Amino acid sequence: MINTIDKWLKSSRVLLTGLYLLSGATMKQKSKGAPPLAVGILMMVILFSFLTIFIGCSGDKEETIPYYDGWKTYSYKHFIFHYPEGCYWGERMADFSNAYERYLVENCEFLAIEIPVDTIHFYIHNSVEDGKKITGRDLPFHTEHQIHWGRRSPFGLELARYLIDKMGIRRTDFDFLYDGLAALRDYSNQNYHHNTIARLKLGKLIPLDTLIDNQSYARADTIWRVDESASLVAFITYNYGINRFKMLWQSAASFERSVQELFEMDIKSFEQSWLEFAELNYEGLPGERTVEDTSKTK
């Protein structure tokens, strides 16, 4: 609603300015004895312009917020939560809503964006199957003002995707950056650095030149590629900041050239620096871990 009003006000200002200038021109034409037909045509053009702008503004339809029969709602700060009768989280809504409000604030701070003004309608479906029957779409997903979650994906994943789309910049050309940023902020408590180095030691690492190629990336194992992408995004944002990351995100150049210009190193050195950073958080494979015996003996 706010966006529609803003557009209408801007269009109105443009229209009023145009009317003022055109009316002045009309009066001048009248004073010069311009034929009535010419004045009439000019006024018709003004009227047509007004109708075009008005219809264009009113054509921006607001998103319809669905309300499902038998579902309950719970409002808390920036959210309205929707859930069916008997929902597990319905009995724990105070904790659930507190967690999501915290995620919202922390993610906006991390992404360096303002907290969205419009209310977020968060739908908790009992399962992805139930959600698809109701919405006709695969879960999880989000729209302009809605997030639909089926309790199977990581707790904060779809909120992260929702906020990434609110960054106000074009979507990156590199799919792994989008997936990695969303996974990094999904609150699943995964140690993505450890997962990455573990695969490196097992000889199963997906190399960087595969990650940066969207087609090769799409063919790679989903869990492995997302783990590595999140680890790499963490490396960039921790060491260079979110603004430098956003510059890489928006770059229209090749990844190799972007890395050279933004980080002043070639892609091989960049990959090596990332893996060295990831190894700092490596916990060891089960056979490599040393377990300290803390039992007391006499």
C-alpha atoms as a PDB file:
ATOM      1  CA  MET A   1       0.000   0.000   0.000  1.00  0.00           C
ATOM      2  CA  ILE A   2       2.794   2.415   0.907  1.00  0.00           C
ATOM      3  CA  ASN A   3       4.564   1.831  -2.427  1.00  0.00           C
ATOM      4  CA  THR A   4       1.347   2.486  -4.352  1.00  0.00           C
ATOM      5  CA  ILE A   5       0.742   5.749  -2.493  1.00  0.00           C
ATOM      6  CA  ASP A   6       4.321   6.884  -3.115  1.00  0.00           C
ATOM      7  CA  LYS A   7       3.987   6.175  -6.827  1.00  0.00           C
ATOM      8  CA  TRP A   8       0.665   8.024  -6.958  1.00  0.00           C
ATOM      9  CA  LEU A   9       2.109  11.072  -5.190  1.00  0.00           C
ATOM     10  CA  LYS A  10       5.138  11.195  -7.475  1.00  0.00           C
ATOM     11  CA  SER A  11       2.928  10.837 -10.539  1.00  0.00           C
ATOM     12  CA  SER A  12       0.603  13.517  -9.218  1.00  0.00           C
ATOM     13  CA  ARG A  13       3.501  15.949  -8.780  1.00  0.00           C
ATOM     14  CA  VAL A  14       4.637  15.294 -12.329  1.00  0.00           C
ATOM     15  CA  LEU A  15       1.092  15.654 -13.605  1.00  0.00           C
ATOM     16  CA  LEU A  16       0.442  18.930 -11.776  1.00  0.00           C
ATOM     17  CA  THR A  17       3.679  20.390 -13.101  1.00  0.00           C
ATOM     18  CA  GLY A  18       2.714  19.354 -16.597  1.00  0.00           C
ATOM     19  CA  LEU A  19      -0.777  20.788 -16.235  1.00  0.00           C
ATOM     20  CA  TYR A  20       0.654  24.063 -15.021  1.00  0.00           C
ATOM     21  CA  LEU A  21       3.025  24.360 -17.967  1.00  0.00           C
ATOM     22  CA  LEU A  22       0.434  23.241 -20.492  1.00  0.00           C
ATOM     23  CA  SER A  23      -2.236  25.544 -19.127  1.00  0.00           C
ATOM     24  CA  GLY A  24       0.199  28.429 -19.448  1.00  0.00           C
ATOM     25  CA  ALA A  25       0.877  27.442 -23.000  1.00  0.00           C
ATOM     26  CA  THR A  26      -2.880  27.213 -23.655  1.00  0.00           C
ATOM     27  CA  MET A  27      -3.496  30.701 -22.330  1.00  0.00           C
ATOM     28  CA  LYS A  28      -0.721  32.030 -24.540  1.00  0.00           C
ATOM     29  CA  GLN A  29      -2.275  30.316 -27.533  1.00  0.00           C
ATOM     30  CA  LYS A  30      -5.654  31.848 -26.706  1.00  0.00           C
ATOM     31  CA  SER A  31      -4.105  35.299 -26.399  1.00  0.00           C
ATOM     32  CA  LYS A  32      -2.562  34.841 -29.820  1.00  0.00           C
ATOM     33  CA  GLY A  33      -5.933  33.893 -31.247  1.00  0.00           C
ATOM     34  CA  ALA A  34      -5.244  30.187 -31.723  1.00  0.00           C
ATOM     35  CA  PRO A  35      -8.186  28.295 -33.225  1.00  0.00           C
ATOM     36  CA  PRO A  36     -10.532  26.628 -30.670  1.00  0.00           C
ATOM     37  CA  LEU A  37      -9.857  23.195 -32.210  1.00  0.00           C
ATOM     38  CA  ALA A  38      -6.161  23.403 -31.372  1.00  0.00           C
ATOM     39  CA  VAL A  39      -6.929  24.383 -27.792  1.00  0.00           C
ATOM     40  CA  GLY A  40      -9.427  21.528 -27.509  1.00  0.00           C
ATOM     41  CA  ILE A  41      -6.888  18.989 -28.772  1.00  0.00           C
ATOM     42  CA  LEU A  42      -4.348  20.268 -26.271  1.00  0.00           C
ATOM     43  CA  MET A  43      -6.812  19.877 -23.419  1.00  0.00           C
ATOM     44  CA  MET A  44      -7.673  16.329 -24.588  1.00  0.00           C
ATOM     45  CA  VAL A  45      -3.976  15.435 -24.488  1.00  0.00           C
ATOM     46  CA  ILE A  46      -3.790  16.724 -20.913  1.00  0.00           C
ATOM     47  CA  LEU A  47      -6.849  14.682 -19.900  1.00  0.00           C
ATOM     48  CA  PHE A  48      -5.493  11.523 -21.600  1.00  0.00           C
ATOM     49  CA  SER A  49      -2.143  11.920 -19.823  1.00  0.00           C
ATOM     50  CA  PHE A  50      -3.911  12.224 -16.483  1.00  0.00           C
ATOM     51  CA  LEU A  51      -5.982   9.083 -17.079  1.00  0.00           C
ATOM     52  CA  THR A  52      -2.916   7.126 -18.198  1.00  0.00           C
ATOM     53  CA  ILE A  53      -0.959   8.015 -15.063  1.00  0.00           C
ATOM     54  CA  PHE A  54      -3.919   7.388 -12.756  1.00  0.00           C
ATOM     55  CA  ILE A  55      -4.769   4.007 -14.255  1.00  0.00           C
ATOM     56  CA  GLY A  56      -1.097   3.005 -14.203  1.00  0.00           C
ATOM     57  CA  CYS A  57      -0.832   3.794 -10.509  1.00  0.00           C
ATOM     58  CA  SER A  58      -4.078   2.098  -9.566  1.00  0.00           C
ATOM     59  CA  GLY A  59      -3.024  -0.967 -11.570  1.00  0.00           C
ATOM     60  CA  ASP A  60      -0.397  -1.886  -8.966  1.00  0.00           C
ATOM     61  CA  LYS A  61      -2.376  -4.518  -7.106  1.00  0.00           C
ATOM     62  CA  GLU A  62      -1.618  -5.144  -3.475  1.00  0.00           C
ATOM     63  CA  GLU A  63      -0.710  -8.688  -2.571  1.00  0.00           C
ATOM     64  CA  THR A  64      -3.655 -10.648  -1.197  1.00  0.00           C
ATOM     65  CA  ILE A  65      -2.887 -12.094   2.223  1.00  0.00           C
ATOM     66  CA  PRO A  66      -4.558 -15.529   2.561  1.00  0.00           C
ATOM     67  CA  TYR A  67      -6.409 -16.571   5.691  1.00  0.00           C
ATOM     68  CA  TYR A  68      -7.104 -20.298   5.955  1.00  0.00           C
ATOM     69  CA  ASP A  69     -10.181 -21.815   7.638  1.00  0.00           C
ATOM     70  CA  GLY A  70      -9.445 -23.129  11.092  1.00  0.00           C
ATOM     71  CA  TRP A  71      -6.040 -21.439  11.303  1.00  0.00           C
ATOM     72  CA  LYS A  72      -5.022 -19.198  14.174  1.00  0.00           C
ATOM     73  CA  THR A  73      -2.912 -16.040  14.129  1.00  0.00           C
ATOM     74  CA  TYR A  74      -0.388 -14.592  16.552  1.00  0.00           C
ATOM     75  CA  SER A  75       0.950 -11.048  16.152  1.00  0.00           C
ATOM     76  CA  TYR A  76       4.345 -10.021  17.460  1.00  0.00           C
ATOM     77  CA  LYS A  77       6.221  -6.876  16.443  1.00  0.00           C
ATOM     78  CA  HIS A  78       7.074  -7.219  12.717  1.00  0.00           C
ATOM     79  CA  PHE A  79       5.247 -10.530  12.216  1.00  0.00           C
ATOM     80  CA  ILE A  80       1.819 -12.087  12.042  1.00  0.00           C
ATOM     81  CA  PHE A  81       2.182 -15.844  12.404  1.00  0.00           C
ATOM     82  CA  HIS A  82      -0.459 -18.125  10.865  1.00  0.00           C
ATOM     83  CA  TYR A  83      -0.723 -21.762  11.950  1.00  0.00           C
ATOM     84  CA  PRO A  84      -3.285 -24.584  11.882  1.00  0.00           C
ATOM     85  CA  GLU A  85      -5.112 -25.983  14.880  1.00  0.00           C
ATOM     86  CA  GLY A  86      -2.925 -28.465  16.766  1.00  0.00           C
ATOM     87  CA  CYS A  87       0.316 -27.139  15.260  1.00  0.00           C
ATOM     88  CA  TYR A  88       3.383 -28.058  17.339  1.00  0.00           C
ATOM     89  CA  TRP A  89       4.676 -24.494  17.304  1.00  0.00           C
ATOM     90  CA  GLY A  90       1.239 -23.093  18.095  1.00  0.00           C
ATOM     91  CA  GLU A  91       1.742 -24.175  21.688  1.00  0.00           C
ATOM     92  CA  ARG A  92       5.159 -22.511  21.743  1.00  0.00           C
ATOM     93  CA  MET A  93       4.361 -19.349  19.851  1.00  0.00           C
ATOM     94  CA  ALA A  94       5.929 -16.983  22.383  1.00  0.00           C
ATOM     95  CA  ASP A  95       9.325 -18.662  21.968  1.00  0.00           C
ATOM     96  CA  PHE A  96       8.870 -19.035  18.218  1.00  0.00           C
ATOM     97  CA  SER A  97       7.967 -15.393  17.656  1.00  0.00           C
ATOM     98  CA  ASN A  98      10.787 -14.164  19.886  1.00  0.00           C
ATOM     99  CA  ALA A  99      13.271 -16.240  17.922  1.00  0.00           C
ATOM    100  CA  TYR A 100      12.111 -14.950  14.562  1.00  0.00           C
ATOM    101  CA  GLU A 101      12.089 -11.337  15.688  1.00  0.00           C
ATOM    102  CA  ARG A 102      15.694 -11.799  16.821  1.00  0.00           C
ATOM    103  CA  TYR A 103      16.592 -13.449  13.510  1.00  0.00           C
ATOM    104  CA  LEU A 104      15.006 -10.536  11.650  1.00  0.00           C
ATOM    105  CA  VAL A 105      16.972  -7.903  13.543  1.00  0.00           C
ATOM    106  CA  GLU A 106      20.274  -9.790  13.379  1.00  0.00           C
ATOM    107  CA  ASN A 107      19.950 -10.579   9.672  1.00  0.00           C
ATOM    108  CA  CYS A 108      19.096  -6.991   8.774  1.00  0.00           C
ATOM    109  CA  GLU A 109      22.133  -5.839  10.726  1.00  0.00           C
ATOM    110  CA  PHE A 110      24.334  -8.418   8.981  1.00  0.00           C
ATOM    111  CA  LEU A 111      23.024  -7.472   5.532  1.00  0.00           C
ATOM    112  CA  ALA A 112      23.243  -3.738   6.340  1.00  0.00           C
ATOM    113  CA  ILE A 113      19.596  -3.100   5.423  1.00  0.00           C
ATOM    114  CA  GLU A 114      16.663  -1.470   7.183  1.00  0.00           C
ATOM    115  CA  ILE A 115      14.108  -3.678   8.896  1.00  0.00           C
ATOM    116  CA  PRO A 116      11.140  -4.007   6.507  1.00  0.00           C
ATOM    117  CA  VAL A 117       8.296  -1.625   7.330  1.00  0.00           C
ATOM    118  CA  ASP A 118       5.492  -3.874   6.104  1.00  0.00           C
ATOM    119  CA  THR A 119       4.217  -6.705   8.293  1.00  0.00           C
ATOM    120  CA  ILE A 120       5.629 -10.151   7.470  1.00  0.00           C
ATOM    121  CA  HIS A 121       2.977 -12.867   7.351  1.00  0.00           C
ATOM    122  CA  PHE A 122       4.648 -16.124   8.371  1.00  0.00           C
ATOM    123  CA  TYR A 123       2.753 -19.365   7.647  1.00  0.00           C
ATOM    124  CA  ILE A 124       3.685 -22.505   9.580  1.00  0.00           C
ATOM    125  CA  HIS A 125       2.459 -25.562   7.680  1.00  0.00           C
ATOM    126  CA  ASN A 126       2.412 -28.969   9.352  1.00  0.00           C
ATOM    127  CA  SER A 127       4.458 -30.409   6.477  1.00  0.00           C
ATOM    128  CA  VAL A 128       5.678 -29.491   3.015  1.00  0.00           C
ATOM    129  CA  GLU A 129       3.036 -31.847   1.611  1.00  0.00           C
ATOM    130  CA  ASP A 130       0.207 -30.095   3.448  1.00  0.00           C
ATOM    131  CA  GLY A 131       1.629 -26.743   2.430  1.00  0.00           C
ATOM    132  CA  LYS A 132       1.661 -27.673  -1.236  1.00  0.00           C
ATOM    133  CA  LYS A 133      -1.953 -28.850  -1.095  1.00  0.00           C
ATOM    134  CA  ILE A 134      -2.993 -25.501   0.328  1.00  0.00           C
ATOM    135  CA  THR A 135      -0.784 -23.133  -1.665  1.00  0.00           C
ATOM    136  CA  GLY A 136      -0.128 -25.128  -4.836  1.00  0.00           C
ATOM    137  CA  ARG A 137       3.590 -24.446  -4.470  1.00  0.00           C
ATOM    138  CA  ASP A 138       6.641 -26.271  -3.182  1.00  0.00           C
ATOM    139  CA  LEU A 139       7.705 -25.197   0.287  1.00  0.00           C
ATOM    140  CA  PRO A 140       9.469 -23.238   1.558  1.00  0.00           C
ATOM    141  CA  PHE A 141       8.818 -20.073  -0.460  1.00  0.00           C
ATOM    142  CA  HIS A 142       8.247 -16.380   0.066  1.00  0.00           C
ATOM    143  CA  THR A 143       6.485 -13.520  -1.675  1.00  0.00           C
ATOM    144  CA  GLU A 144       6.488  -9.761  -1.155  1.00  0.00           C
ATOM    145  CA  HIS A 145       4.877 -10.011   2.291  1.00  0.00           C
ATOM    146  CA  GLN A 146       4.617 -13.746   3.023  1.00  0.00           C
ATOM    147  CA  ILE A 147       6.873 -16.596   4.134  1.00  0.00           C
ATOM    148  CA  HIS A 148       5.598 -20.188   3.950  1.00  0.00           C
ATOM    149  CA  TRP A 149       7.525 -22.796   5.927  1.00  0.00           C
ATOM    150  CA  GLY A 150       6.878 -26.534   6.095  1.00  0.00           C
ATOM    151  CA  ARG A 151       9.041 -27.403   9.144  1.00  0.00           C
ATOM    152  CA  ARG A 152      11.482 -29.420   7.047  1.00  0.00           C
ATOM    153  CA  SER A 153      13.987 -26.812   5.858  1.00  0.00           C
ATOM    154  CA  PRO A 154      16.399 -25.083   8.258  1.00  0.00           C
ATOM    155  CA  PHE A 155      14.644 -22.886  10.791  1.00  0.00           C
ATOM    156  CA  GLY A 156      15.669 -19.505   9.403  1.00  0.00           C
ATOM    157  CA  LEU A 157      16.397 -20.291   5.750  1.00  0.00           C
ATOM    158  CA  GLU A 158      13.360 -18.737   4.111  1.00  0.00           C
ATOM    159  CA  LEU A 159      13.519 -15.607   6.274  1.00  0.00           C
ATOM    160  CA  ALA A 160      17.119 -15.200   5.108  1.00  0.00           C
ATOM    161  CA  ARG A 161      16.045 -15.531   1.456  1.00  0.00           C
ATOM    162  CA  TYR A 162      13.195 -13.090   2.057  1.00  0.00           C
ATOM    163  CA  LEU A 163      15.596 -10.481   3.445  1.00  0.00           C
ATOM    164  CA  ILE A 164      18.226 -11.084   0.765  1.00  0.00           C
ATOM    165  CA  ASP A 165      15.593 -10.109  -1.791  1.00  0.00           C
ATOM    166  CA  LYS A 166      15.034  -6.918   0.230  1.00  0.00           C
ATOM    167  CA  MET A 167      18.644  -5.779  -0.182  1.00  0.00           C
ATOM    168  CA  GLY A 168      17.583  -3.521  -3.036  1.00  0.00           C
ATOM    169  CA  ILE A 169      20.242  -4.742  -5.450  1.00  0.00           C
ATOM    170  CA  ARG A 170      19.934  -6.967  -8.473  1.00  0.00           C
ATOM    171  CA  ARG A 171      20.238 -10.696  -8.033  1.00  0.00           C
ATOM    172  CA  THR A 172      23.792 -11.925  -8.404  1.00  0.00           C
ATOM    173  CA  ASP A 173      24.913 -13.747 -11.536  1.00  0.00           C
ATOM    174  CA  PHE A 174      26.598 -16.352  -9.319  1.00  0.00           C
ATOM    175  CA  ASP A 175      24.102 -18.843  -7.878  1.00  0.00           C
ATOM    176  CA  PHE A 176      26.521 -20.082  -5.224  1.00  0.00           C
ATOM    177  CA  LEU A 177      26.713 -16.619  -3.650  1.00  0.00           C
ATOM    178  CA  TYR A 178      22.930 -16.509  -3.214  1.00  0.00           C
ATOM    179  CA  ASP A 179      22.739 -20.026  -1.781  1.00  0.00           C
ATOM    180  CA  GLY A 180      25.769 -19.493   0.413  1.00  0.00           C
ATOM    181  CA  LEU A 181      24.489 -16.252   1.912  1.00  0.00           C
ATOM    182  CA  ALA A 182      21.081 -17.780   2.658  1.00  0.00           C
ATOM    183  CA  ALA A 183      22.628 -20.881   4.236  1.00  0.00           C
ATOM    184  CA  LEU A 184      25.038 -18.810   6.297  1.00  0.00           C
ATOM    185  CA  ARG A 185      22.079 -16.997   7.868  1.00  0.00           C
ATOM    186  CA  ASP A 186      19.732 -20.006   8.244  1.00  0.00           C
ATOM    187  CA  TYR A 187      20.326 -20.532  11.997  1.00  0.00           C
ATOM    188  CA  SER A 188      20.853 -24.260  11.556  1.00  0.00           C
ATOM    189  CA  ASN A 189      24.039 -24.182  13.675  1.00  0.00           C
ATOM    190  CA  GLN A 190      25.930 -26.009  10.948  1.00  0.00           C
ATOM    191  CA  ASN A 191      29.704 -25.647  10.961  1.00  0.00           C
ATOM    192  CA  TYR A 192      30.064 -25.068   7.237  1.00  0.00           C
ATOM    193  CA  HIS A 193      33.820 -24.566   7.527  1.00  0.00           C
ATOM    194  CA  HIS A 194      34.239 -27.950   9.160  1.00  0.00           C
ATOM    195  CA  ASN A 195      32.063 -29.640   6.540  1.00  0.00           C
ATOM    196  CA  THR A 196      34.136 -28.063   3.781  1.00  0.00           C
ATOM    197  CA  ILE A 197      37.519 -29.137   5.158  1.00  0.00           C
ATOM    198  CA  ALA A 198      36.214 -32.618   5.989  1.00  0.00           C
ATOM    199  CA  ARG A 199      35.356 -33.108   2.321  1.00  0.00           C
ATOM    200  CA  LEU A 200      38.708 -31.688   1.310  1.00  0.00           C
ATOM    201  CA  LYS A 201      40.475 -34.310   3.441  1.00  0.00           C
ATOM    202  CA  LEU A 202      38.253 -37.041   1.992  1.00  0.00           C
ATOM    203  CA  GLY A 203      39.154 -35.914  -1.541  1.00  0.00           C
ATOM    204  CA  LYS A 204      35.578 -34.847  -2.274  1.00  0.00           C
ATOM    205  CA  LEU A 205      35.871 -31.047  -2.261  1.00  0.00           C
ATOM    206  CA  ILE A 206      33.974 -29.223  -4.980  1.00  0.00           C
ATOM    207  CA  PRO A 207      36.641 -26.886  -6.410  1.00  0.00           C
ATOM    208  CA  LEU A 208      36.007 -23.180  -6.675  1.00  0.00           C
ATOM    209  CA  ASP A 209      36.053 -23.200 -10.473  1.00  0.00           C
ATOM    210  CA  THR A 210      33.062 -25.581 -10.299  1.00  0.00           C
ATOM    211  CA  LEU A 211      31.188 -23.455  -7.766  1.00  0.00           C
ATOM    212  CA  ILE A 212      31.443 -20.301  -9.865  1.00  0.00           C
ATOM    213  CA  ASP A 213      30.061 -21.969 -12.998  1.00  0.00           C
ATOM    214  CA  ASN A 214      26.278 -22.071 -12.603  1.00  0.00           C
ATOM    215  CA  GLN A 215      25.792 -25.132 -14.768  1.00  0.00           C
ATOM    216  CA  SER A 216      28.510 -27.146 -13.029  1.00  0.00           C
ATOM    217  CA  TYR A 217      27.258 -25.887  -9.672  1.00  0.00           C
ATOM    218  CA  ALA A 218      23.724 -27.117 -10.419  1.00  0.00           C
ATOM    219  CA  ARG A 219      25.032 -30.623 -11.152  1.00  0.00           C
ATOM    220  CA  ALA A 220      26.985 -30.890  -7.896  1.00  0.00           C
ATOM    221  CA  ASP A 221      25.590 -32.517  -4.761  1.00  0.00           C
ATOM    222  CA  THR A 222      23.125 -30.051  -3.203  1.00  0.00           C
ATOM    223  CA  ILE A 223      24.240 -30.372   0.420  1.00  0.00           C
ATOM    224  CA  TRP A 224      27.948 -30.288  -0.396  1.00  0.00           C
ATOM    225  CA  ARG A 225      27.739 -27.300  -2.711  1.00  0.00           C
ATOM    226  CA  VAL A 226      25.666 -25.277  -0.215  1.00  0.00           C
ATOM    227  CA  ASP A 227      28.047 -26.109   2.649  1.00  0.00           C
ATOM    228  CA  GLU A 228      31.025 -24.883   0.671  1.00  0.00           C
ATOM    229  CA  SER A 229      29.184 -21.817  -0.598  1.00  0.00           C
ATOM    230  CA  ALA A 230      28.253 -20.808   2.955  1.00  0.00           C
ATOM    231  CA  SER A 231      31.841 -21.307   4.085  1.00  0.00           C
ATOM    232  CA  LEU A 232      33.128 -19.132   1.257  1.00  0.00           C
ATOM    233  CA  VAL A 233      30.573 -16.380   1.897  1.00  0.00           C
ATOM    234  CA  ALA A 234      31.546 -16.415   5.584  1.00  0.00           C
ATOM    235  CA  PHE A 235      35.204 -16.064   4.595  1.00  0.00           C
ATOM    236  CA  ILE A 236      34.436 -13.015   2.443  1.00  0.00           C
ATOM    237  CA  THR A 237      32.075 -11.233   4.832  1.00  0.00           C
ATOM    238  CA  TYR A 238      34.228 -11.874   7.909  1.00  0.00           C
ATOM    239  CA  ASN A 239      37.481 -10.706   6.341  1.00  0.00           C
ATOM    240  CA  TYR A 240      36.293  -8.030   3.905  1.00  0.00           C
ATOM    241  CA  GLY A 241      32.852  -6.955   5.117  1.00  0.00           C
ATOM    242  CA  ILE A 242      29.355  -7.080   3.694  1.00  0.00           C
ATOM    243  CA  ASN A 243      29.855  -4.095   1.391  1.00  0.00           C
ATOM    244  CA  ARG A 244      32.767  -5.735  -0.432  1.00  0.00           C
ATOM    245  CA  PHE A 245      30.675  -8.885  -0.670  1.00  0.00           C
ATOM    246  CA  LYS A 246      27.836  -6.884  -2.225  1.00  0.00           C
ATOM    247  CA  MET A 247      30.264  -5.491  -4.782  1.00  0.00           C
ATOM    248  CA  LEU A 248      31.198  -9.043  -5.755  1.00  0.00           C
ATOM    249  CA  TRP A 249      27.494  -9.965  -5.740  1.00  0.00           C
ATOM    250  CA  GLN A 250      26.646  -7.226  -8.241  1.00  0.00           C
ATOM    251  CA  SER A 251      29.707  -7.570 -10.447  1.00  0.00           C
ATOM    252  CA  ALA A 252      28.947  -8.112 -14.120  1.00  0.00           C
ATOM    253  CA  ALA A 253      32.527  -9.173 -14.812  1.00  0.00           C
ATOM    254  CA  SER A 254      33.792 -12.744 -14.660  1.00  0.00           C
ATOM    255  CA  PHE A 255      34.403 -14.129 -11.200  1.00  0.00           C
ATOM    256  CA  GLU A 256      38.138 -14.310 -11.837  1.00  0.00           C
ATOM    257  CA  ARG A 257      38.316 -10.652 -12.841  1.00  0.00           C
ATOM    258  CA  SER A 258      36.043  -9.609  -9.970  1.00  0.00           C
ATOM    259  CA  VAL A 259      38.265 -11.367  -7.445  1.00  0.00           C
ATOM    260  CA  GLN A 260      41.364  -9.754  -8.919  1.00  0.00           C
ATOM    261  CA  GLU A 261      39.853  -6.272  -8.743  1.00  0.00           C
ATOM    262  CA  LEU A 262      38.117  -6.557  -5.368  1.00  0.00           C
ATOM    263  CA  PHE A 263      40.576  -8.724  -3.415  1.00  0.00           C
ATOM    264  CA  GLU A 264      43.797  -8.125  -5.352  1.00  0.00           C
ATOM    265  CA  MET A 265      44.636 -11.794  -5.830  1.00  0.00           C
ATOM    266  CA  ASP A 266      44.174 -14.430  -8.483  1.00  0.00           C
ATOM    267  CA  ILE A 267      41.486 -17.049  -8.077  1.00  0.00           C
ATOM    268  CA  LYS A 268      43.901 -19.792  -6.970  1.00  0.00           C
ATOM    269  CA  SER A 269      45.255 -17.632  -4.174  1.00  0.00           C
ATOM    270  CA  PHE A 270      41.710 -16.651  -3.264  1.00  0.00           C
ATOM    271  CA  GLU A 271      40.661 -20.296  -3.016  1.00  0.00           C
ATOM    272  CA  GLN A 272      43.707 -21.123  -0.909  1.00  0.00           C
ATOM    273  CA  SER A 273      43.016 -18.234   1.470  1.00  0.00           C
ATOM    274  CA  TRP A 274      39.410 -19.382   1.859  1.00  0.00           C
ATOM    275  CA  LEU A 275      40.397 -22.973   2.674  1.00  0.00           C
ATOM    276  CA  GLU A 276      43.041 -21.848   5.157  1.00  0.00           C
ATOM    277  CA  PHE A 277      40.393 -19.733   6.877  1.00  0.00           C
ATOM    278  CA  ALA A 278      37.942 -22.649   6.895  1.00  0.00           C
ATOM    279  CA  GLU A 279      40.529 -24.971   8.429  1.00  0.00           C
ATOM    280  CA  LEU A 280      40.659 -22.762  11.516  1.00  0.00           C
ATOM    281  CA  ASN A 281      37.186 -24.108  12.324  1.00  0.00           C
ATOM    282  CA  TYR A 282      37.874 -27.720  11.390  1.00  0.00           C
ATOM    283  CA  GLU A 283      37.067 -30.153  14.207  1.00  0.00           C
ATOM    284  CA  GLY A 284      38.651 -33.256  12.720  1.00  0.00           C
ATOM    285  CA  LEU A 285      37.199 -36.442  11.302  1.00  0.00           C
ATOM    286  CA  PRO A 286      35.957 -39.019  13.839  1.00  0.00           C
ATOM    287  CA  GLY A 287      39.169 -41.046  13.581  1.00  0.00           C
ATOM    288  CA  GLU A 288      41.349 -37.952  13.961  1.00  0.00           C
ATOM    289  CA  ARG A 289      39.778 -36.487  17.076  1.00  0.00           C
ATOM    290  CA  THR A 290      41.554 -36.821  20.380  1.00  0.00           C
ATOM    291  CA  VAL A 291      39.160 -37.364  23.243  1.00  0.00           C
ATOM    292  CA  GLU A 292      40.489 -36.296  26.603  1.00  0.00           C
ATOM    293  CA  ASP A 293      39.749 -38.675  29.482  1.00  0.00           C
ATOM    294  CA  THR A 294      38.464 -36.467  32.249  1.00  0.00           C
ATOM    295  CA  SER A 295      37.513 -39.315  34.594  1.00  0.00           C
ATOM    296  CA  LYS A 296      39.088 -39.207  38.012  1.00  0.00           C
ATOM    297  CA  THR A 297      41.346 -42.106  38.943  1.00  0.00           C
ATOM    298  CA  LYS A 298      43.142 -42.858  42.173  1.00  0.00           C
END
